[in-house]
């Protein structure tokens, strides 16, 4: 390479050979610079294209992220709504369970009172029975009234009558033969 002072000296005081050598060098340098400029322009164009492609990919990724975020928010809202519905359902089930438990307790109390009334009725039904013969007669009369095959028959009452009859039979030391 030639420095600037050497080029000026050749131009002013140089011989024909030096000038022709300088022209050749300048031509080669000009071609080299044009090639380098062309390569730089190509590289710049590729960089611009890469930058545009990168921006497009980033925009697409941002849109995809935005869509995914919206979907996630919608899914979260739907999940929260379903969770509230389930929690409300469980709360209602607990309220209903407590109501049922209270109703069960009330019914058990009523059954206990009814059983007491049935046992009181059994005492009345077998009142005045003081020997095995009157016991058997009273039992047969009660069976005719409460047998389940009758229109007004009652299976539970028959079971209670049978239990009381068995207890009275043991009391009178007789075997249960109908």
Protein backbone atom coordinates (compact mmCIF):
# COMPACT_ATOMS: atom_id res chain seq x y z
CA UNK A 1 0.00 0.00 0.00
CA UNK A 2 1.01 3.46 -0.67
CA UNK A 3 0.70 6.29 1.75
CA UNK A 4 -0.78 9.63 0.78
CA UNK A 5 2.52 11.53 0.52
CA UNK A 6 4.00 8.90 -1.78
CA UNK A 7 0.96 9.05 -4.06
CA UNK A 8 1.15 12.88 -4.28
CA UNK A 9 4.86 12.70 -5.08
CA UNK A 10 4.30 10.15 -7.88
CA UNK A 11 1.53 12.27 -9.33
CA UNK A 12 3.68 15.42 -9.32
CA UNK A 13 7.14 14.06 -10.09
CA UNK A 14 6.60 10.46 -11.09
CA UNK A 15 7.74 8.77 -14.25
CA UNK A 16 5.42 7.20 -16.77
CA UNK A 17 6.00 3.74 -15.31
CA UNK A 18 5.33 4.96 -11.80
CA UNK A 19 2.15 6.69 -13.01
CA UNK A 20 0.94 3.59 -14.83
CA UNK A 21 1.78 1.51 -11.79
CA UNK A 22 -0.15 4.00 -9.66
CA UNK A 23 -3.13 3.83 -12.05
CA UNK A 24 -3.09 0.05 -11.87
CA UNK A 25 -2.86 0.16 -8.12
CA UNK A 26 -5.70 2.72 -7.96
CA UNK A 27 -7.82 0.55 -10.29
CA UNK A 28 -7.21 -2.54 -8.17
CA UNK A 29 -7.89 -0.55 -5.02
CA UNK A 30 -11.06 0.83 -6.57
CA UNK A 31 -12.24 -2.68 -7.52
CA UNK A 32 -11.35 -3.97 -4.08
CA UNK A 33 -13.28 -1.13 -2.43
CA UNK A 34 -16.26 -1.68 -4.76
CA UNK A 35 -16.24 -5.39 -3.93
CA UNK A 36 -15.95 -4.59 -0.27
CA UNK A 37 -18.76 -2.04 -0.55
CA UNK A 38 -20.91 -4.56 -2.40
CA UNK A 39 -20.18 -7.18 0.24
CA UNK A 40 -21.04 -4.67 2.96
CA UNK A 41 -24.28 -3.76 1.17
CA UNK A 42 -25.17 -7.46 0.88
CA UNK A 43 -24.33 -7.96 4.52
CA UNK A 44 -26.39 -4.89 5.48
CA UNK A 45 -29.33 -6.19 3.41
CA UNK A 46 -29.06 -9.59 5.12
CA UNK A 47 -28.92 -7.89 8.52
CA UNK A 48 -32.02 -5.83 7.66
CA UNK A 49 -33.81 -8.98 6.47
CA UNK A 50 -32.73 -10.81 9.63
CA UNK A 51 -33.92 -7.86 11.71
CA UNK A 52 -37.31 -7.87 9.95
CA UNK A 53 -37.64 -11.65 10.37
CA UNK A 54 -36.67 -11.30 14.03
CA UNK A 55 -39.27 -8.54 14.52
CA UNK A 56 -41.91 -10.71 12.84
CA UNK A 57 -40.99 -13.67 15.04
CA UNK A 58 -41.08 -11.43 18.12
CA UNK A 59 -44.47 -10.01 17.09
CA UNK A 60 -45.78 -13.53 16.49
CA UNK A 61 -44.37 -14.67 19.84
CA UNK A 62 -45.93 -11.64 21.58
CA UNK A 63 -49.31 -12.38 19.94
CA UNK A 64 -49.01 -16.01 20.94
CA UNK A 65 -48.07 -15.01 24.49
CA UNK A 66 -50.96 -12.55 24.62
CA UNK A 67 -53.36 -15.24 23.38
CA UNK A 68 -52.00 -17.75 25.88
CA UNK A 69 -52.28 -15.17 28.67
CA UNK A 70 -55.90 -14.43 27.73
CA UNK A 71 -56.66 -18.16 27.60
CA UNK A 72 -54.96 -18.67 30.96
CA UNK A 73 -56.93 -15.80 32.48
CA UNK A 74 -60.16 -17.19 31.02
CA UNK A 75 -59.31 -20.67 32.30
CA UNK A 76 -58.49 -19.21 35.72
CA UNK A 77 -61.79 -17.32 35.79
CA UNK A 78 -63.65 -20.48 34.76
CA UNK A 79 -61.79 -22.50 37.40
CA UNK A 80 -62.58 -19.89 40.06
CA UNK A 81 -66.24 -19.89 39.02
CA UNK A 82 -66.42 -23.69 39.17
CA UNK A 83 -64.63 -23.68 42.52
CA UNK A 84 -67.18 -21.18 43.88
CA UNK A 85 -70.00 -23.37 42.57
CA UNK A 86 -68.46 -26.44 44.21
CA UNK A 87 -67.90 -24.60 47.48
CA UNK A 88 -71.48 -23.34 47.43
CA UNK A 89 -72.63 -26.88 46.68
CA UNK A 90 -70.60 -28.27 49.59
CA UNK A 91 -71.94 -25.55 51.87
CA UNK A 92 -75.48 -26.38 50.79
CA UNK A 93 -74.78 -30.09 51.31
CA UNK A 94 -73.53 -29.37 54.83
CA UNK A 95 -76.65 -27.33 55.57
CA UNK A 96 -78.83 -30.12 54.17
CA UNK A 97 -76.85 -32.70 56.14
CA UNK A 98 -77.44 -30.79 59.39
CA UNK A 99 -81.14 -30.51 58.56
CA UNK A 100 -81.28 -34.25 57.89
CA UNK A 101 -79.42 -35.01 61.11
CA UNK A 102 -81.84 -32.84 63.07
CA UNK A 103 -84.79 -34.49 61.30
CA UNK A 104 -83.33 -37.93 62.04
CA UNK A 105 -82.96 -37.04 65.73
CA UNK A 106 -86.55 -35.75 65.79
CA UNK A 107 -87.83 -38.93 64.11
CA UNK A 108 -85.88 -41.13 66.52
CA UNK A 109 -87.44 -39.27 69.43
CA UNK A 110 -90.88 -39.71 67.88
CA UNK A 111 -90.19 -43.44 67.35
CA UNK A 112 -89.11 -43.76 70.98
CA UNK A 113 -92.30 -42.05 72.11
CA UNK A 114 -94.33 -44.24 69.75
CA UNK A 115 -92.62 -47.39 71.08
CA UNK A 116 -93.41 -46.28 74.62
CA UNK A 117 -97.01 -45.77 73.55
CA UNK A 118 -97.01 -49.22 71.88
CA UNK A 119 -95.62 -50.85 75.01
CA UNK A 120 -98.24 -48.99 77.04
CA UNK A 121 -100.86 -50.28 74.59
CA UNK A 122 -99.45 -53.81 74.97
CA UNK A 123 -99.80 -53.49 78.75
CA UNK A 124 -103.41 -52.50 78.18
CA UNK A 125 -103.97 -55.34 75.69
CA UNK A 126 -102.72 -58.00 78.07
CA UNK A 127 -104.12 -56.37 81.25
CA UNK A 128 -106.20 -58.70 83.34
CA UNK A 129 -104.46 -61.82 82.03
CA UNK A 130 -103.73 -63.88 85.12
CA UNK A 131 -103.58 -67.47 83.89
CA UNK A 132 -102.32 -69.42 80.86
CA UNK A 133 -105.80 -70.02 79.43
CA UNK A 134 -106.77 -66.32 79.43
CA UNK A 135 -103.32 -65.50 77.97
CA UNK A 136 -103.87 -67.86 75.02
CA UNK A 137 -107.40 -66.55 74.42
CA UNK A 138 -106.26 -62.89 74.53
CA UNK A 139 -103.32 -63.69 72.19
CA UNK A 140 -105.65 -65.34 69.62
CA UNK A 141 -108.08 -62.39 69.77
CA UNK A 142 -105.26 -59.88 69.27
CA UNK A 143 -103.85 -61.89 66.35
CA UNK A 144 -107.26 -61.88 64.68
CA UNK A 145 -107.31 -58.06 64.91
CA UNK A 146 -103.70 -57.17 64.00
CA UNK A 147 -102.62 -59.98 61.64
CA UNK A 148 -100.97 -58.49 58.49
CA UNK A 149 -103.42 -60.38 56.24
CA UNK A 150 -106.28 -58.31 57.65
CA UNK A 151 -107.21 -54.99 56.07
CA UNK A 152 -106.16 -53.06 59.17
CA UNK A 153 -103.27 -55.44 59.94
CA UNK A 154 -99.98 -54.14 61.32
CA UNK A 155 -96.76 -56.18 61.03
CA UNK A 156 -94.91 -54.21 63.70
CA UNK A 157 -97.76 -54.55 66.17
CA UNK A 158 -97.85 -58.33 65.56
CA UNK A 159 -94.12 -58.51 66.34
CA UNK A 160 -94.63 -56.55 69.55
CA UNK A 161 -97.61 -58.77 70.53
CA UNK A 162 -95.51 -61.91 69.87
CA UNK A 163 -92.66 -60.56 72.02
CA UNK A 164 -95.02 -59.71 74.88
CA UNK A 165 -96.79 -63.07 74.54
CA UNK A 166 -93.43 -64.89 74.70
CA UNK A 167 -92.47 -62.94 77.83
CA UNK A 168 -95.79 -63.71 79.51
CA UNK A 169 -95.52 -67.40 78.55
CA UNK A 170 -92.16 -67.56 80.32
CA UNK A 171 -93.76 -65.85 83.29
CA UNK A 172 -96.51 -68.51 83.42
CA UNK A 173 -94.00 -71.30 82.63
CA UNK A 174 -95.85 -72.56 79.56
CA UNK A 175 -94.51 -73.54 76.19
CA UNK A 176 -95.48 -71.49 73.17
CA UNK A 177 -97.76 -73.74 71.13
CA UNK A 178 -100.55 -72.14 69.12
